[in-house]
């Protein structure tokens, strides 16, 4: 399946021919350009990677919630230390994920 980019807003459309109008901005079919194979492959790889980043971010939300409950339970200092470290590390990695996705968007690695 081919990929088409709206030259007005950057929307990527998957199909044999571009749509009558852009689903995002309404630009007419003539404003779409067919992507070369290399660019289309990069978009497919980027979709996979970005999906994994989003999944990781969501899982880290769960880690932070579990860690907060462990901190609140306050069984003993070592447990609190482990849960605190897990919560802080989850937040750090989430920030890195957001930065990486932002970089991907800036480089056109989204799709």
N, C-alpha and C. Protein backbone atom coordinates (compact mmCIF):
# COMPACT_ATOMS: atom_id res chain seq x y z
N UNK A 1 0.85 -1.17 0.00
CA UNK A 1 0.00 0.00 0.00
C UNK A 1 0.90 1.24 0.00
N UNK A 2 0.51 2.20 -0.78
CA UNK A 2 1.31 3.41 -0.91
C UNK A 2 0.95 4.42 0.19
N UNK A 3 1.85 5.38 0.35
CA UNK A 3 1.63 6.44 1.34
C UNK A 3 1.65 7.79 0.63
N UNK A 4 0.74 8.64 1.05
CA UNK A 4 0.59 9.97 0.47
C UNK A 4 0.65 11.00 1.58
N UNK A 5 1.36 12.10 1.34
CA UNK A 5 1.48 13.17 2.34
C UNK A 5 0.77 14.42 1.81
N UNK A 6 -0.07 14.98 2.69
CA UNK A 6 -0.71 16.26 2.36
C UNK A 6 0.35 17.34 2.48
N UNK A 7 0.56 18.10 1.43
CA UNK A 7 1.59 19.14 1.44
C UNK A 7 1.14 20.38 2.21
N UNK A 8 -0.12 20.42 2.60
CA UNK A 8 -0.62 21.56 3.37
C UNK A 8 -0.39 21.34 4.86
N UNK A 9 -0.77 20.15 5.37
CA UNK A 9 -0.70 19.93 6.83
C UNK A 9 0.21 18.78 7.25
N UNK A 10 0.69 17.97 6.29
CA UNK A 10 1.58 16.87 6.62
C UNK A 10 0.89 15.56 6.93
N UNK A 11 -0.43 15.50 6.86
CA UNK A 11 -1.18 14.27 7.13
C UNK A 11 -0.70 13.16 6.20
N UNK A 12 -0.52 11.95 6.75
CA UNK A 12 -0.11 10.79 5.95
C UNK A 12 -1.33 9.91 5.72
N UNK A 13 -1.56 9.60 4.45
CA UNK A 13 -2.69 8.76 4.07
C UNK A 13 -2.16 7.47 3.46
N UNK A 14 -2.69 6.34 3.88
CA UNK A 14 -2.33 5.03 3.34
C UNK A 14 -3.39 4.60 2.35
N UNK A 15 -3.00 4.32 1.11
CA UNK A 15 -3.95 3.86 0.11
C UNK A 15 -3.33 3.85 -1.27
N UNK A 16 -4.05 3.28 -2.21
CA UNK A 16 -3.54 3.20 -3.58
C UNK A 16 -3.58 4.56 -4.28
N UNK A 17 -4.54 5.39 -3.89
CA UNK A 17 -4.65 6.75 -4.43
C UNK A 17 -4.95 7.68 -3.26
N UNK A 18 -4.60 8.96 -3.38
CA UNK A 18 -4.90 9.88 -2.28
C UNK A 18 -6.41 10.11 -2.17
N UNK A 19 -6.88 10.54 -1.01
CA UNK A 19 -8.31 10.78 -0.84
C UNK A 19 -8.77 12.02 -1.63
N UNK A 20 -10.07 12.15 -1.80
CA UNK A 20 -10.63 13.31 -2.49
C UNK A 20 -10.20 14.61 -1.81
N UNK A 21 -10.21 14.57 -0.47
CA UNK A 21 -9.74 15.73 0.30
C UNK A 21 -9.05 15.22 1.56
N UNK A 22 -8.18 16.02 2.10
CA UNK A 22 -7.43 15.64 3.29
C UNK A 22 -8.40 15.50 4.48
N UNK A 23 -8.35 14.35 5.16
CA UNK A 23 -9.21 14.16 6.33
C UNK A 23 -8.88 15.12 7.48
N UNK A 24 -7.69 15.68 7.45
CA UNK A 24 -7.27 16.57 8.53
C UNK A 24 -7.59 18.03 8.24
N UNK A 25 -7.19 18.52 7.09
CA UNK A 25 -7.33 19.96 6.81
C UNK A 25 -8.29 20.29 5.67
N UNK A 26 -8.75 19.26 4.95
CA UNK A 26 -9.69 19.49 3.87
C UNK A 26 -9.08 19.89 2.53
N UNK A 27 -7.76 19.88 2.44
CA UNK A 27 -7.10 20.24 1.18
C UNK A 27 -7.51 19.25 0.08
N UNK A 28 -7.59 19.70 -1.16
CA UNK A 28 -7.99 18.81 -2.25
C UNK A 28 -6.92 17.77 -2.58
N UNK A 29 -7.34 16.74 -3.28
CA UNK A 29 -6.47 15.62 -3.68
C UNK A 29 -5.16 16.09 -4.32
N UNK A 30 -5.22 17.16 -5.09
CA UNK A 30 -4.02 17.64 -5.79
C UNK A 30 -2.91 18.07 -4.84
N UNK A 31 -3.24 18.30 -3.59
CA UNK A 31 -2.23 18.74 -2.62
C UNK A 31 -1.47 17.57 -1.99
N UNK A 32 -1.81 16.33 -2.38
CA UNK A 32 -1.10 15.17 -1.86
C UNK A 32 0.05 14.80 -2.77
N UNK A 33 1.16 14.37 -2.14
CA UNK A 33 2.30 13.86 -2.90
C UNK A 33 2.56 12.43 -2.47
N UNK A 34 2.90 11.60 -3.44
CA UNK A 34 3.21 10.21 -3.15
C UNK A 34 4.61 10.14 -2.54
N UNK A 35 4.74 9.40 -1.44
CA UNK A 35 6.04 9.26 -0.80
C UNK A 35 6.85 8.18 -1.49
N UNK A 36 8.15 8.42 -1.57
CA UNK A 36 9.05 7.41 -2.12
C UNK A 36 9.11 6.24 -1.15
N UNK A 37 9.52 5.09 -1.66
CA UNK A 37 9.54 3.86 -0.88
C UNK A 37 10.35 4.00 0.42
N UNK A 38 11.50 4.65 0.32
CA UNK A 38 12.35 4.81 1.51
C UNK A 38 11.63 5.63 2.59
N UNK A 39 10.97 6.70 2.20
CA UNK A 39 10.23 7.52 3.16
C UNK A 39 9.05 6.75 3.73
N UNK A 40 8.38 5.96 2.92
CA UNK A 40 7.24 5.17 3.38
C UNK A 40 7.70 4.11 4.39
N UNK A 41 8.83 3.48 4.14
CA UNK A 41 9.37 2.49 5.06
C UNK A 41 9.75 3.13 6.40
N UNK A 42 10.33 4.33 6.34
CA UNK A 42 10.68 5.05 7.57
C UNK A 42 9.43 5.34 8.40
N UNK A 43 8.35 5.70 7.74
CA UNK A 43 7.10 5.97 8.45
C UNK A 43 6.60 4.70 9.13
N UNK A 44 6.65 3.58 8.44
CA UNK A 44 6.20 2.31 9.04
C UNK A 44 7.05 1.96 10.27
N UNK A 45 8.36 2.09 10.15
CA UNK A 45 9.24 1.82 11.30
C UNK A 45 8.97 2.80 12.43
N UNK A 46 8.74 4.05 12.08
CA UNK A 46 8.47 5.07 13.09
C UNK A 46 7.16 4.80 13.80
N UNK A 47 6.15 4.36 13.07
CA UNK A 47 4.87 4.02 13.70
C UNK A 47 5.06 2.93 14.74
N UNK A 48 5.86 1.92 14.42
CA UNK A 48 6.14 0.85 15.38
C UNK A 48 6.85 1.40 16.60
N UNK A 49 7.93 2.11 16.38
CA UNK A 49 8.73 2.64 17.49
C UNK A 49 7.91 3.60 18.36
N UNK A 50 7.17 4.49 17.73
CA UNK A 50 6.38 5.45 18.51
C UNK A 50 5.28 4.74 19.29
N UNK A 51 4.69 3.71 18.70
CA UNK A 51 3.69 2.92 19.42
C UNK A 51 4.30 2.25 20.65
N UNK A 52 5.53 1.76 20.51
CA UNK A 52 6.21 1.15 21.65
C UNK A 52 6.52 2.19 22.72
N UNK A 53 6.92 3.38 22.30
CA UNK A 53 7.17 4.46 23.27
C UNK A 53 5.89 4.79 24.05
N UNK A 54 4.79 4.88 23.35
CA UNK A 54 3.52 5.20 24.01
C UNK A 54 3.11 4.09 24.97
N UNK A 55 3.31 2.85 24.55
CA UNK A 55 2.99 1.73 25.44
C UNK A 55 3.87 1.75 26.68
N UNK A 56 5.17 2.01 26.49
CA UNK A 56 6.09 2.09 27.62
C UNK A 56 5.66 3.21 28.58
N UNK A 57 5.30 4.36 28.04
CA UNK A 57 4.86 5.48 28.86
C UNK A 57 3.65 5.08 29.70
N UNK A 58 2.71 4.39 29.10
CA UNK A 58 1.51 3.96 29.81
C UNK A 58 1.85 2.96 30.91
N UNK A 59 2.73 2.02 30.61
CA UNK A 59 3.15 1.05 31.63
C UNK A 59 3.87 1.74 32.79
N UNK A 60 4.63 2.77 32.48
CA UNK A 60 5.33 3.50 33.54
C UNK A 60 4.35 4.26 34.44
N UNK A 61 3.19 4.66 33.90
CA UNK A 61 2.14 5.22 34.75
C UNK A 61 1.72 4.20 35.80
N UNK A 62 1.58 2.96 35.37
CA UNK A 62 1.21 1.89 36.31
C UNK A 62 2.30 1.66 37.34
N UNK A 63 3.56 1.69 36.90
CA UNK A 63 4.68 1.54 37.84
C UNK A 63 4.63 2.64 38.89
N UNK A 64 4.40 3.87 38.46
CA UNK A 64 4.35 5.00 39.39
C UNK A 64 3.20 4.84 40.39
N UNK A 65 2.06 4.35 39.93
CA UNK A 65 0.92 4.14 40.83
C UNK A 65 1.22 3.07 41.88
N UNK A 66 1.79 1.96 41.43
CA UNK A 66 2.15 0.89 42.36
C UNK A 66 3.19 1.39 43.35
N UNK A 67 4.18 2.10 42.86
CA UNK A 67 5.24 2.61 43.73
C UNK A 67 4.66 3.58 44.77
N UNK A 68 3.74 4.43 44.37
CA UNK A 68 3.13 5.37 45.32
C UNK A 68 2.41 4.61 46.43
N UNK A 69 1.71 3.55 46.08
CA UNK A 69 1.02 2.74 47.10
C UNK A 69 2.03 2.11 48.05
N UNK A 70 3.17 1.68 47.49
CA UNK A 70 4.21 1.11 48.34
C UNK A 70 4.81 2.14 49.29
N UNK A 71 4.99 3.37 48.79
CA UNK A 71 5.49 4.45 49.65
C UNK A 71 4.48 4.72 50.78
N UNK A 72 3.21 4.80 50.41
CA UNK A 72 2.17 5.08 51.40
C UNK A 72 2.03 3.96 52.42
N UNK A 73 2.27 2.72 52.01
CA UNK A 73 2.20 1.58 52.93
C UNK A 73 3.27 1.70 54.01
N UNK A 74 4.46 2.19 53.60
CA UNK A 74 5.52 2.52 54.55
C UNK A 74 5.85 1.37 55.51
N UNK A 75 6.02 0.17 54.94
CA UNK A 75 6.30 -0.99 55.78
C UNK A 75 7.63 -0.84 56.51
N UNK A 76 8.66 -0.50 55.78
CA UNK A 76 9.96 -0.27 56.41
C UNK A 76 10.79 0.61 55.48
N UNK A 77 11.89 1.17 55.98
CA UNK A 77 12.68 2.12 55.17
C UNK A 77 13.19 1.55 53.85
N UNK A 78 13.61 0.29 53.83
CA UNK A 78 14.12 -0.28 52.57
C UNK A 78 13.01 -0.41 51.53
N UNK A 79 11.82 -0.79 51.96
CA UNK A 79 10.69 -0.88 51.02
C UNK A 79 10.36 0.50 50.47
N UNK A 80 10.31 1.48 51.34
CA UNK A 80 10.01 2.85 50.91
C UNK A 80 11.08 3.32 49.92
N UNK A 81 12.33 2.98 50.19
CA UNK A 81 13.43 3.38 49.29
C UNK A 81 13.24 2.76 47.90
N UNK A 82 12.89 1.47 47.85
CA UNK A 82 12.67 0.80 46.56
C UNK A 82 11.51 1.45 45.82
N UNK A 83 10.40 1.66 46.50
CA UNK A 83 9.23 2.24 45.85
C UNK A 83 9.49 3.69 45.42
N UNK A 84 10.21 4.43 46.21
CA UNK A 84 10.54 5.81 45.86
C UNK A 84 11.42 5.83 44.61
N UNK A 85 12.42 4.96 44.59
CA UNK A 85 13.30 4.89 43.42
C UNK A 85 12.52 4.49 42.17
N UNK A 86 11.61 3.54 42.30
CA UNK A 86 10.79 3.12 41.15
C UNK A 86 9.95 4.27 40.63
N UNK A 87 9.36 5.02 41.54
CA UNK A 87 8.53 6.16 41.14
C UNK A 87 9.37 7.23 40.43
N UNK A 88 10.52 7.55 40.98
CA UNK A 88 11.39 8.56 40.38
C UNK A 88 11.93 8.11 39.02
N UNK A 89 12.32 6.85 38.93
CA UNK A 89 12.84 6.32 37.67
C UNK A 89 11.76 6.30 36.60
N UNK A 90 10.55 5.92 36.98
CA UNK A 90 9.44 5.92 36.02
C UNK A 90 9.21 7.33 35.48
N UNK A 91 9.23 8.32 36.35
CA UNK A 91 9.04 9.71 35.91
C UNK A 91 10.16 10.15 34.98
N UNK A 92 11.39 9.77 35.29
CA UNK A 92 12.54 10.13 34.46
C UNK A 92 12.41 9.52 33.06
N UNK A 93 12.09 8.24 33.00
CA UNK A 93 11.97 7.58 31.70
C UNK A 93 10.79 8.15 30.91
N UNK A 94 9.69 8.48 31.59
CA UNK A 94 8.57 9.10 30.90
C UNK A 94 8.98 10.43 30.26
N UNK A 95 9.78 11.20 30.94
CA UNK A 95 10.26 12.46 30.37
C UNK A 95 11.13 12.20 29.14
N UNK A 96 11.95 11.18 29.21
CA UNK A 96 12.81 10.83 28.07
C UNK A 96 11.97 10.35 26.89
N UNK A 97 10.93 9.58 27.18
CA UNK A 97 10.03 9.12 26.12
C UNK A 97 9.38 10.31 25.42
N UNK A 98 8.88 11.26 26.20
CA UNK A 98 8.25 12.46 25.61
C UNK A 98 9.25 13.23 24.74
N UNK A 99 10.47 13.36 25.22
CA UNK A 99 11.50 14.07 24.45
C UNK A 99 11.80 13.33 23.15
N UNK A 100 11.86 12.02 23.21
CA UNK A 100 12.15 11.23 22.01
C UNK A 100 11.02 11.33 20.98
N UNK A 101 9.79 11.25 21.46
CA UNK A 101 8.66 11.39 20.54
C UNK A 101 8.66 12.79 19.91
N UNK A 102 8.96 13.80 20.70
CA UNK A 102 9.03 15.16 20.17
C UNK A 102 10.11 15.25 19.08
N UNK A 103 11.24 14.60 19.31
CA UNK A 103 12.31 14.57 18.31
C UNK A 103 11.83 13.87 17.05
N UNK A 104 11.14 12.75 17.21
CA UNK A 104 10.62 12.02 16.05
C UNK A 104 9.67 12.90 15.24
N UNK A 105 8.81 13.61 15.91
CA UNK A 105 7.86 14.48 15.21
C UNK A 105 8.62 15.56 14.45
N UNK A 106 9.62 16.15 15.09
CA UNK A 106 10.40 17.20 14.44
C UNK A 106 11.16 16.71 13.22
N UNK A 107 11.52 15.43 13.20
CA UNK A 107 12.26 14.87 12.07
C UNK A 107 11.34 14.20 11.05
N UNK A 108 10.03 14.30 11.28
CA UNK A 108 9.09 13.67 10.36
C UNK A 108 8.98 12.17 10.53
N UNK A 109 9.46 11.66 11.65
CA UNK A 109 9.38 10.22 11.94
C UNK A 109 8.12 9.94 12.74
N UNK A 110 7.00 10.16 12.15
CA UNK A 110 5.74 9.93 12.86
C UNK A 110 4.82 9.14 11.98
N UNK A 111 4.06 9.80 11.16
CA UNK A 111 3.21 9.15 10.18
C UNK A 111 1.89 8.74 10.67
